[in-house]
Amino acid sequence: MGSCNVNKRLEGKVAIVTGGASGIGASTVHLFWEQGAKVVIADIQDNLGQSLATKLGDNVLYVHCDVSDDEQVMNLVDTAVSKFGQLDIMYNNAGIMSGIFESILNTNKSDLERMLGVNLIGAFLGAKHAARVMVPNKKGCILFTASSCTKIGGIAPHSYAASKYGVVGLTKSLACELGKHGIRVNCISPFGVLTGSTGGAEKEAMFEMMMGAVGNLQGKILKAEDIAKAALYLASDEASYVSGMNLVVDGGYSVVNPSLMKISKA
């Protein structure tokens, strides 16, 4: 039934992936490249980012970029356009998370500002500079990584949840403004997923065991590659009329009432 001459889904497109040196970002860089895109990796992990770019070859470029810095994000976008001639996809994926579930009573203002600086301001700046070059061309796709904590409370630290709710709000707001320019804006909200910051085989096994126990969709553990596939769909022409969407990739976790589930198992 299949054909050997299947068109690559991002052929002829140029993409930027922030946080592209590891985790979800690196998986997305690989997949976008496999599907024909020229990709610019943006990160502050220079060794990882450059290594990935070198491995994939001429159609992949690494640019050091702290997404919370307006000038660095401006340089990132200008470098992508200078190198590859255009910008079709801007995936604002870079993010940080505190592993500590602190009470709001113990949360430091500086920790909150750091979280917002990367997760929300970084996303905002990426969208701003992408729009700057996309609006004149009357086309483009802007993506964000949000979180499934935007659908259900109590599964992430407060500062992280606040930053990711901001990303979902930004997605909807930008979809309204940029729609008239033919630009689509969407976000992806993953459940717990292993990223480059989760080091070691032992920790990986523990994480997978925990996610397998609490997850709704049994027999499957969410991987970075799964989020990359969601990004590929939203970035491709298959989603040409999809905008303003928060695509939740959580195996149905956020629609389950755990109290009722416990009763039904009794």
Protein backbone atom coordinates (compact mmCIF):
# COMPACT_ATOMS: atom_id res chain seq x y z
CA MET A 1 0.00 0.00 0.00
CA GLY A 2 2.89 2.39 0.80
CA SER A 3 5.11 4.02 -1.77
CA CYS A 4 8.86 4.44 -1.74
CA ASN A 5 8.44 7.97 -3.11
CA VAL A 6 6.70 9.46 -0.10
CA ASN A 7 7.30 13.20 0.03
CA LYS A 8 9.15 14.49 3.05
CA ARG A 9 6.67 16.45 5.13
CA LEU A 10 8.90 19.50 5.70
CA GLU A 11 10.71 19.57 2.35
CA GLY A 12 11.86 23.10 1.51
CA LYS A 13 11.10 24.51 4.95
CA VAL A 14 13.44 26.20 7.43
CA ALA A 15 12.91 25.66 11.16
CA ILE A 16 14.37 26.99 14.39
CA VAL A 17 14.17 24.75 17.46
CA THR A 18 15.07 26.38 20.78
CA GLY A 19 16.34 24.07 23.48
CA GLY A 20 17.33 21.94 20.51
CA ALA A 21 20.51 20.39 21.92
CA SER A 22 18.83 17.76 24.12
CA GLY A 23 15.55 16.16 25.12
CA ILE A 24 12.40 17.06 23.20
CA GLY A 25 14.32 19.66 21.23
CA ALA A 26 17.00 17.27 19.97
CA SER A 27 14.37 14.68 19.02
CA THR A 28 12.51 17.37 17.09
CA VAL A 29 15.67 18.55 15.33
CA HIS A 30 16.33 14.97 14.18
CA LEU A 31 12.78 14.45 12.96
CA PHE A 32 12.45 17.81 11.22
CA TRP A 33 15.78 17.18 9.47
CA GLU A 34 14.73 13.66 8.45
CA GLN A 35 11.56 15.18 6.99
CA GLY A 36 13.51 17.56 4.75
CA ALA A 37 13.77 20.76 6.80
CA LYS A 38 16.85 22.90 7.22
CA VAL A 39 17.15 23.34 10.98
CA VAL A 40 18.76 25.87 13.28
CA ILE A 41 19.46 24.50 16.76
CA ALA A 42 19.32 27.15 19.49
CA ASP A 43 20.59 26.35 22.98
CA ILE A 44 23.10 27.31 25.65
CA GLN A 45 24.54 23.76 25.74
CA ASP A 46 27.22 24.51 23.15
CA ASN A 47 28.99 21.14 23.08
CA LEU A 48 25.77 19.15 22.69
CA GLY A 49 24.29 21.58 20.17
CA GLN A 50 27.38 21.79 17.99
CA SER A 51 27.86 18.03 18.13
CA LEU A 52 24.31 17.44 16.90
CA ALA A 53 24.68 20.00 14.12
CA THR A 54 27.96 18.46 12.98
CA LYS A 55 26.45 14.98 13.01
CA LEU A 56 23.49 15.98 10.83
CA GLY A 57 25.50 18.02 8.32
CA ASP A 58 25.21 21.11 6.12
CA ASN A 59 21.47 21.65 6.52
CA VAL A 60 21.74 22.02 10.30
CA LEU A 61 23.28 24.99 12.12
CA TYR A 62 23.92 25.55 15.82
CA VAL A 63 23.54 29.02 17.33
CA HIS A 64 24.23 29.82 20.99
CA CYS A 65 21.14 31.56 22.34
CA ASP A 66 19.83 32.43 25.78
CA VAL A 67 16.14 32.78 24.93
CA SER A 68 15.54 35.21 27.79
CA ASP A 69 17.82 37.76 26.07
CA ASP A 70 16.09 39.85 23.39
CA GLU A 71 19.26 40.60 21.42
CA GLN A 72 20.32 36.95 21.33
CA VAL A 73 16.89 35.88 20.06
CA MET A 74 16.96 38.62 17.44
CA ASN A 75 20.41 37.40 16.34
CA LEU A 76 19.15 33.81 16.23
CA VAL A 77 16.32 34.63 13.84
CA ASP A 78 18.49 36.92 11.69
CA THR A 79 21.19 34.22 11.48
CA ALA A 80 18.65 31.60 10.37
CA VAL A 81 17.33 33.87 7.62
CA SER A 82 20.84 34.88 6.57
CA LYS A 83 22.01 31.25 6.38
CA PHE A 84 18.95 29.59 4.83
CA GLY A 85 17.07 32.49 3.22
CA GLN A 86 13.76 32.17 5.09
CA LEU A 87 12.01 31.05 8.26
CA ASP A 88 8.93 28.84 8.10
CA ILE A 89 8.78 27.20 11.55
CA MET A 90 9.70 28.64 14.92
CA TYR A 91 9.48 26.03 17.68
CA ASN A 92 9.91 27.75 21.05
CA ASN A 93 10.73 24.67 23.07
CA ALA A 94 13.44 25.86 25.47
CA GLY A 95 12.39 25.58 29.08
CA ILE A 96 13.48 24.91 32.64
CA MET A 97 11.75 23.20 35.54
CA SER A 98 12.38 22.98 39.24
CA GLY A 99 12.05 19.44 40.51
CA ILE A 100 10.99 20.73 43.92
CA PHE A 101 7.28 21.01 44.72
CA GLU A 102 7.63 23.92 47.13
CA SER A 103 4.75 25.56 48.94
CA ILE A 104 3.99 29.04 47.64
CA LEU A 105 4.97 30.17 51.14
CA ASN A 106 8.55 29.03 50.47
CA THR A 107 8.89 30.07 46.83
CA ASN A 108 11.56 32.69 46.21
CA LYS A 109 10.76 35.58 43.92
CA SER A 110 14.08 35.06 42.13
CA ASP A 111 13.15 31.43 41.31
CA LEU A 112 9.81 32.56 39.91
CA GLU A 113 11.44 35.25 37.80
CA ARG A 114 13.99 32.79 36.42
CA MET A 115 11.23 30.35 35.46
CA LEU A 116 9.19 33.07 33.78
CA GLY A 117 12.29 34.48 32.10
CA VAL A 118 13.06 31.29 30.21
CA ASN A 119 9.68 29.58 29.85
CA LEU A 120 7.43 32.55 29.13
CA ILE A 121 9.57 35.55 28.19
CA GLY A 122 11.77 33.26 26.07
CA ALA A 123 8.68 31.99 24.25
CA PHE A 124 7.38 35.55 23.83
CA LEU A 125 10.66 36.81 22.36
CA GLY A 126 10.93 33.84 20.02
CA ALA A 127 7.44 34.50 18.70
CA LYS A 128 8.09 38.24 18.40
CA HIS A 129 11.20 37.85 16.25
CA ALA A 130 9.75 35.00 14.21
CA ALA A 131 6.67 37.10 13.47
CA ARG A 132 8.94 39.96 12.43
CA VAL A 133 10.18 37.92 9.46
CA MET A 134 7.03 35.83 8.86
CA VAL A 135 4.47 38.67 8.64
CA PRO A 136 5.90 40.16 5.41
CA ASN A 137 5.78 36.68 3.81
CA LYS A 138 2.16 36.12 4.92
CA LYS A 139 2.89 32.59 6.13
CA GLY A 140 4.61 30.64 8.88
CA CYS A 141 4.16 28.39 11.87
CA ILE A 142 4.97 29.27 15.49
CA LEU A 143 5.00 26.47 18.06
CA PHE A 144 5.50 26.35 21.82
CA THR A 145 6.07 23.61 24.38
CA ALA A 146 3.58 24.14 27.21
CA SER A 147 2.66 21.40 29.71
CA SER A 148 -0.17 19.11 30.72
CA CYS A 149 -0.18 21.01 34.01
CA THR A 150 -2.23 23.58 32.08
CA LYS A 151 -5.06 21.04 32.06
CA ILE A 152 -4.95 19.70 35.60
CA GLY A 153 -3.70 21.14 38.89
CA GLY A 154 -1.22 19.70 41.35
CA ILE A 155 1.21 18.01 38.99
CA ALA A 156 3.89 20.73 38.75
CA PRO A 157 5.50 23.42 40.91
CA HIS A 158 3.50 26.66 41.07
CA SER A 159 6.09 28.80 39.27
CA TYR A 160 6.34 26.27 36.44
CA ALA A 161 2.55 26.05 36.14
CA ALA A 162 2.28 29.84 36.01
CA SER A 163 4.88 30.05 33.24
CA LYS A 164 3.21 27.35 31.15
CA TYR A 165 -0.30 28.78 31.57
CA GLY A 166 1.23 31.96 30.21
CA VAL A 167 2.45 30.05 27.15
CA VAL A 168 -1.06 28.70 26.49
CA GLY A 169 -2.51 32.21 26.81
CA LEU A 170 0.18 33.54 24.47
CA THR A 171 -0.66 30.83 21.94
CA LYS A 172 -4.31 31.83 21.80
CA SER A 173 -3.60 35.55 21.77
CA LEU A 174 -1.02 35.30 18.96
CA ALA A 175 -3.26 33.00 16.91
CA CYS A 176 -5.78 35.86 16.89
CA GLU A 177 -3.33 38.56 15.82
CA LEU A 178 -1.24 36.57 13.37
CA GLY A 179 -4.05 34.68 11.66
CA LYS A 180 -4.68 37.62 9.35
CA HIS A 181 -1.10 37.24 8.14
CA GLY A 182 -1.55 33.53 7.38
CA ILE A 183 0.60 32.50 10.37
CA ARG A 184 -0.50 29.55 12.51
CA VAL A 185 0.27 29.45 16.25
CA ASN A 186 -0.08 26.30 18.38
CA CYS A 187 1.37 24.69 21.49
CA ILE A 188 2.01 21.15 22.70
CA SER A 189 1.40 20.14 26.32
CA PRO A 190 3.33 16.98 27.28
CA PHE A 191 2.77 14.77 30.29
CA GLY A 192 5.91 13.74 32.22
CA VAL A 193 8.63 12.99 29.67
CA LEU A 194 12.33 12.21 29.93
CA THR A 195 14.55 15.06 28.79
CA GLY A 196 18.28 15.58 28.51
CA SER A 197 18.38 16.78 32.10
CA THR A 198 17.24 13.41 33.47
CA GLY A 199 20.65 11.73 33.72
CA GLY A 200 21.61 8.11 34.18
CA ALA A 201 20.08 4.73 33.40
CA GLU A 202 18.99 4.20 37.00
CA LYS A 203 17.10 7.49 37.14
CA GLU A 204 15.61 6.75 33.74
CA ALA A 205 14.31 3.38 34.92
CA MET A 206 12.86 4.94 38.09
CA PHE A 207 11.17 7.69 36.09
CA GLU A 208 9.64 5.21 33.64
CA MET A 209 8.40 3.02 36.49
CA MET A 210 6.79 6.03 38.17
CA MET A 211 5.19 7.31 34.97
CA GLY A 212 3.95 3.83 34.16
CA ALA A 213 2.30 3.63 37.59
CA VAL A 214 0.58 7.03 37.51
CA GLY A 215 -0.16 7.29 33.79
CA ASN A 216 -3.61 6.61 32.38
CA LEU A 217 -2.56 4.95 29.12
CA GLN A 218 -1.07 1.64 30.19
CA GLY A 219 1.61 -0.17 28.23
CA LYS A 220 3.13 3.06 26.92
CA ILE A 221 5.69 5.50 28.35
CA LEU A 222 5.77 8.98 26.84
CA LYS A 223 9.07 9.67 25.05
CA ALA A 224 10.63 12.84 23.68
CA GLU A 225 10.12 11.37 20.20
CA ASP A 226 6.36 11.36 20.75
CA ILE A 227 6.38 15.12 21.34
CA ALA A 228 8.58 15.59 18.27
CA LYS A 229 5.96 13.75 16.21
CA ALA A 230 3.25 16.06 17.55
CA ALA A 231 5.43 19.05 16.58
CA LEU A 232 5.95 17.59 13.12
CA TYR A 233 2.20 17.31 12.59
CA LEU A 234 1.57 20.90 13.70
CA ALA A 235 4.49 22.21 11.63
CA SER A 236 3.49 20.33 8.49
CA ASP A 237 0.94 21.19 5.81
CA GLU A 238 -1.27 18.45 7.26
CA ALA A 239 -2.19 20.97 9.97
CA SER A 240 -2.66 23.84 7.52
CA TYR A 241 -5.94 24.95 9.15
CA VAL A 242 -5.00 24.24 12.77
CA SER A 243 -4.27 27.32 14.86
CA GLY A 244 -4.79 28.42 18.46
CA MET A 245 -4.63 24.83 19.67
CA ASN A 246 -3.17 23.38 22.85
CA LEU A 247 -2.39 19.80 21.81
CA VAL A 248 -2.30 17.82 25.05
CA VAL A 249 -0.14 14.69 24.81
CA ASP A 250 -0.82 12.98 28.12
CA GLY A 251 -2.45 9.64 27.33
CA GLY A 252 -5.77 10.92 28.68
CA TYR A 253 -4.39 11.67 32.17
CA SER A 254 -6.03 15.08 32.44
CA VAL A 255 -9.53 13.78 31.64
CA VAL A 256 -9.53 11.06 34.32
CA ASN A 257 -11.08 11.50 37.76
CA PRO A 258 -8.73 9.45 39.98
CA SER A 259 -11.24 9.28 42.83
CA LEU A 260 -13.84 7.57 40.67
CA MET A 261 -11.19 5.25 39.24
CA LYS A 262 -10.24 4.11 42.76
CA ILE A 263 -13.90 3.40 43.60
CA SER A 264 -14.39 1.41 40.41
CA LYS A 265 -11.38 -0.76 41.28
CA ALA A 266 -12.62 -1.44 44.81
